């Protein structure tokens, strides 16, 4: 354990020095995207560990007072489920960080989604608070929850990216977790890559900084026309203004 801590700190120092020296001169677009995603993966692991520590005591307390349910009565994800993916940006107060803001949100979502029998994953950019979230479960329940999320003042620039009905759920239990599996990170990478394409960045040129990844205008990854409703969630600005 101590050896891993030492090696991790040394690796962090190496990455810091290397990124400062070579980021702009030796990283093309795909290389930089890979570095960015892997660093965000590391940050997600750390946030996940923080969530586990903060919730363990609460869960232990609940177990002491809750009746033990037989295995047959425990609900399992359905074979057919509705899945929706959206992105937004956290509203971060000056005295807080993205991590400070997202931890309590995920804690609440984990408990609430278990009650609603909703599963999913969440990606949070620890630098600027960009959010990519996947929710899955009963369609009516999902749409009701997303409608509430859309109006939540703790984030902005809400946009539905994709919705689908799947034969099986990706997530084997109810609740919420940070992006963990290769499938989760494929989703995150897909969204970021599409944003890069929309902005028209050249592979040969590469990025000037990590900010180029987070200052990209938001746009959907589906073929649907802008302003067209997705299950009644997206409303064109023209209609709102009228």
Protein backbone atom coordinates (compact mmCIF):
# COMPACT_ATOMS: atom_id res chain seq x y z
CA UNK A 1 0.00 0.00 0.00
CA UNK A 2 2.74 2.48 0.99
CA UNK A 3 4.68 1.58 -2.14
CA UNK A 4 1.65 2.31 -4.34
CA UNK A 5 1.11 5.67 -2.64
CA UNK A 6 4.74 6.65 -3.28
CA UNK A 7 4.60 5.49 -6.91
CA UNK A 8 1.31 7.30 -7.50
CA UNK A 9 2.74 10.57 -6.18
CA UNK A 10 5.84 10.14 -8.37
CA UNK A 11 3.64 9.44 -11.39
CA UNK A 12 1.61 12.56 -10.70
CA UNK A 13 4.81 14.65 -10.60
CA UNK A 14 6.02 13.07 -13.82
CA UNK A 15 2.73 13.78 -15.59
CA UNK A 16 2.71 17.38 -14.41
CA UNK A 17 6.24 18.02 -15.67
CA UNK A 18 5.66 16.18 -18.94
CA UNK A 19 2.38 17.90 -19.71
CA UNK A 20 3.86 21.34 -19.08
CA UNK A 21 6.84 20.63 -21.33
CA UNK A 22 5.30 18.66 -24.18
CA UNK A 23 1.55 19.14 -24.22
CA UNK A 24 1.39 21.81 -26.91
CA UNK A 25 4.29 20.60 -29.04
CA UNK A 26 4.14 16.79 -29.04
CA UNK A 27 0.48 15.80 -28.58
CA UNK A 28 -1.83 15.45 -31.56
CA UNK A 29 -5.61 15.46 -31.15
CA UNK A 30 -6.08 11.74 -30.47
CA UNK A 31 -3.12 11.54 -28.09
CA UNK A 32 -4.39 14.49 -26.09
CA UNK A 33 -7.90 13.05 -25.97
CA UNK A 34 -6.49 9.80 -24.60
CA UNK A 35 -4.48 11.65 -21.90
CA UNK A 36 -7.49 13.77 -20.97
CA UNK A 37 -9.85 10.79 -20.63
CA UNK A 38 -7.37 8.74 -18.60
CA UNK A 39 -6.75 11.61 -16.19
CA UNK A 40 -10.50 12.07 -15.77
CA UNK A 41 -10.75 8.32 -15.12
CA UNK A 42 -8.25 8.68 -12.29
CA UNK A 43 -10.21 11.60 -10.85
CA UNK A 44 -13.44 9.56 -11.04
CA UNK A 45 -11.82 6.71 -9.09
CA UNK A 46 -10.82 9.14 -6.33
CA UNK A 47 -14.29 10.69 -6.20
CA UNK A 48 -15.87 7.26 -6.10
CA UNK A 49 -13.69 6.31 -3.13
CA UNK A 50 -14.71 9.51 -1.34
CA UNK A 51 -18.39 8.71 -1.94
CA UNK A 52 -17.93 5.19 -0.57
CA UNK A 53 -16.28 6.47 2.61
CA UNK A 54 -18.91 9.12 3.23
CA UNK A 55 -21.86 6.78 2.70
CA UNK A 56 -20.60 3.65 4.46
CA UNK A 57 -21.48 4.85 7.95
CA UNK A 58 -24.95 5.94 6.81
CA UNK A 59 -25.61 2.57 5.17
CA UNK A 60 -24.39 0.67 8.24
CA UNK A 61 -26.78 2.66 10.40
CA UNK A 62 -29.71 1.91 8.10
CA UNK A 63 -28.95 -1.82 8.11
CA UNK A 64 -29.19 -1.93 11.89
CA UNK A 65 -32.76 -0.66 11.82
CA UNK A 66 -34.01 -2.10 8.52
CA UNK A 67 -35.59 -5.56 8.21
CA UNK A 68 -33.62 -8.14 6.24
CA UNK A 69 -35.41 -8.89 2.97
CA UNK A 70 -35.37 -12.36 1.46
CA UNK A 71 -33.42 -12.65 -1.78
CA UNK A 72 -36.58 -13.33 -3.78
CA UNK A 73 -38.04 -9.94 -2.82
CA UNK A 74 -35.08 -7.89 -4.05
CA UNK A 75 -35.89 -6.11 -7.31
CA UNK A 76 -33.65 -6.68 -10.31
CA UNK A 77 -33.29 -4.46 -13.40
CA UNK A 78 -35.86 -5.27 -16.11
CA UNK A 79 -34.93 -7.06 -19.32
CA UNK A 80 -36.16 -4.09 -21.36
CA UNK A 81 -35.39 -0.56 -20.22
CA UNK A 82 -35.38 3.04 -21.40
CA UNK A 83 -32.02 4.80 -21.46
CA UNK A 84 -31.28 8.50 -21.82
CA UNK A 85 -27.97 10.38 -22.04
CA UNK A 86 -27.62 14.10 -21.39
CA UNK A 87 -24.93 16.68 -20.76
CA UNK A 88 -24.85 19.89 -18.76
CA UNK A 89 -22.45 22.08 -16.78
CA UNK A 90 -22.32 22.50 -13.02
CA UNK A 91 -22.84 25.97 -11.62
CA UNK A 92 -19.79 26.25 -9.36
CA UNK A 93 -19.72 28.98 -6.67
CA UNK A 94 -16.47 30.92 -6.34
CA UNK A 95 -15.65 29.33 -2.99
CA UNK A 96 -16.15 25.73 -4.22
CA UNK A 97 -14.79 23.25 -6.75
CA UNK A 98 -16.53 20.88 -9.13
CA UNK A 99 -15.74 18.01 -6.75
CA UNK A 100 -17.29 19.87 -3.79
CA UNK A 101 -20.45 20.39 -5.84
CA UNK A 102 -20.85 16.96 -7.40
CA UNK A 103 -20.22 14.73 -4.35
CA UNK A 104 -23.46 15.66 -2.48
CA UNK A 105 -25.42 15.46 -5.74
CA UNK A 106 -24.22 11.91 -6.40
CA UNK A 107 -24.87 10.93 -2.79
CA UNK A 108 -28.48 12.07 -3.10
CA UNK A 109 -28.91 10.55 -6.57
CA UNK A 110 -27.64 7.17 -5.35
CA UNK A 111 -30.26 6.99 -2.61
CA UNK A 112 -33.09 8.51 -4.65
CA UNK A 113 -32.47 6.39 -7.76
CA UNK A 114 -32.51 3.22 -5.69
CA UNK A 115 -36.02 4.11 -4.53
CA UNK A 116 -37.09 4.91 -8.10
CA UNK A 117 -35.42 1.75 -9.47
CA UNK A 118 -33.19 3.78 -11.78
CA UNK A 119 -29.61 2.91 -12.69
CA UNK A 120 -26.89 4.80 -14.51
CA UNK A 121 -23.54 6.50 -14.49
CA UNK A 122 -22.22 10.04 -14.22
CA UNK A 123 -19.08 11.68 -15.60
CA UNK A 124 -17.97 14.98 -14.09
CA UNK A 125 -15.06 17.00 -15.45
CA UNK A 126 -13.22 17.87 -12.23
CA UNK A 127 -11.83 21.06 -13.79
CA UNK A 128 -14.87 22.88 -15.15
CA UNK A 129 -17.82 20.74 -14.06
CA UNK A 130 -18.97 19.45 -17.44
CA UNK A 131 -21.48 16.63 -16.84
CA UNK A 132 -22.35 13.60 -18.96
CA UNK A 133 -24.96 11.34 -17.38
CA UNK A 134 -26.71 8.13 -18.41
CA UNK A 135 -29.99 7.13 -16.74
CA UNK A 136 -31.93 3.93 -17.38
CA UNK A 137 -35.06 2.23 -16.09
CA UNK A 138 -38.80 2.62 -16.59
CA UNK A 139 -39.46 5.20 -19.33
CA UNK A 140 -42.11 7.20 -17.46
CA UNK A 141 -39.98 7.34 -14.32
CA UNK A 142 -36.87 8.35 -16.27
CA UNK A 143 -38.64 11.15 -18.13
CA UNK A 144 -40.14 12.52 -14.91
CA UNK A 145 -36.72 12.54 -13.27
CA UNK A 146 -35.01 14.15 -16.25
CA UNK A 147 -37.67 16.86 -16.32
CA UNK A 148 -36.75 17.72 -12.72
CA UNK A 149 -33.02 17.54 -13.47
CA UNK A 150 -33.48 19.93 -16.38
CA UNK A 151 -34.88 22.59 -14.04
CA UNK A 152 -32.27 22.09 -11.31
CA UNK A 153 -30.49 25.45 -10.74
CA UNK A 154 -27.27 23.68 -9.73
CA UNK A 155 -26.39 23.17 -13.40
CA UNK A 156 -26.91 24.86 -16.75
CA UNK A 157 -26.68 24.19 -20.52
CA UNK A 158 -28.78 21.04 -20.17
CA UNK A 159 -29.07 19.05 -23.39
CA UNK A 160 -30.36 15.57 -24.15
CA UNK A 161 -27.87 13.76 -26.35
CA UNK A 162 -29.47 10.39 -26.92
CA UNK A 163 -32.40 8.24 -25.87
CA UNK A 164 -33.06 4.62 -26.65
CA UNK A 165 -34.99 1.54 -25.60
CA UNK A 166 -32.62 -1.33 -24.88
CA UNK A 167 -33.24 -5.06 -24.54
CA UNK A 168 -31.19 -5.18 -21.34
CA UNK A 169 -29.94 -2.65 -18.82
CA UNK A 170 -26.23 -1.86 -18.72
CA UNK A 171 -26.20 -1.39 -14.97
CA UNK A 172 -26.86 -4.43 -12.80
CA UNK A 173 -28.13 -2.50 -9.76
CA UNK A 174 -30.13 0.60 -8.98
CA UNK A 175 -28.47 3.84 -7.95
CA UNK A 176 -25.77 6.06 -9.43
CA UNK A 177 -22.03 5.63 -9.91
CA UNK A 178 -19.20 7.59 -11.47
CA UNK A 179 -18.07 6.44 -14.91
CA UNK A 180 -16.15 3.22 -14.36
CA UNK A 181 -16.51 0.59 -17.07
CA UNK A 182 -14.99 0.67 -20.54
CA UNK A 183 -18.52 1.20 -21.87
CA UNK A 184 -18.93 4.28 -19.67
CA UNK A 185 -15.70 5.77 -20.95
CA UNK A 186 -16.62 4.90 -24.52
CA UNK A 187 -19.73 7.05 -24.03
CA UNK A 188 -17.69 9.92 -22.56
CA UNK A 189 -15.09 9.72 -25.33
CA UNK A 190 -17.81 9.59 -27.99
CA UNK A 191 -19.37 12.82 -26.73
CA UNK A 192 -16.03 14.62 -26.47
CA UNK A 193 -14.92 13.43 -29.90
CA UNK A 194 -18.19 14.59 -31.44
CA UNK A 195 -17.73 17.99 -29.80
CA UNK A 196 -14.24 18.17 -31.31
CA UNK A 197 -15.64 17.33 -34.74
CA UNK A 198 -18.36 19.97 -34.43
CA UNK A 199 -15.80 22.61 -33.64
CA UNK A 200 -13.80 21.60 -36.68
CA UNK A 201 -10.48 20.99 -34.94
CA UNK A 202 -7.75 19.60 -37.16
CA UNK A 203 -5.92 16.39 -36.18
CA UNK A 204 -2.63 17.86 -37.34
CA UNK A 205 -3.00 21.01 -35.28
CA UNK A 206 -4.02 19.34 -31.99
CA UNK A 207 -5.20 21.25 -28.92
CA UNK A 208 -3.62 24.26 -27.33
CA UNK A 209 -4.78 23.34 -23.85
CA UNK A 210 -7.27 21.22 -21.95
CA UNK A 211 -9.62 24.19 -22.05
CA UNK A 212 -10.15 23.52 -25.75
CA UNK A 213 -11.98 20.38 -24.73
CA UNK A 214 -14.28 22.15 -22.32
CA UNK A 215 -15.02 25.39 -24.16
CA UNK A 216 -16.66 23.58 -27.08
CA UNK A 217 -20.25 24.60 -27.91
CA UNK A 218 -22.72 21.99 -26.72
CA UNK A 219 -24.49 19.95 -29.37
CA UNK A 220 -26.26 16.63 -29.59
CA UNK A 221 -24.71 13.41 -30.83
CA UNK A 222 -27.89 12.20 -32.49
CA UNK A 223 -29.12 13.01 -35.98
CA UNK A 224 -32.19 14.80 -34.72
CA UNK A 225 -32.63 18.38 -35.81
CA UNK A 226 -31.97 21.14 -33.32
CA UNK A 227 -35.07 22.18 -31.43
CA UNK A 228 -36.95 18.94 -32.11
CA UNK A 229 -38.44 17.52 -28.89
CA UNK A 230 -36.98 14.35 -27.42
CA UNK A 231 -39.87 12.78 -25.53
CA UNK A 232 -41.08 16.27 -24.69
CA UNK A 233 -37.82 17.27 -22.96
CA UNK A 234 -36.32 19.63 -25.54
CA UNK A 235 -38.21 22.82 -26.34
CA UNK A 236 -36.98 25.26 -28.96
CA UNK A 237 -36.04 28.73 -27.82
CA UNK A 238 -38.39 30.23 -30.38
CA UNK A 239 -41.38 28.51 -28.77
CA UNK A 240 -40.31 29.57 -25.29
CA UNK A 241 -39.90 33.19 -26.33
CA UNK A 242 -43.32 33.27 -27.95
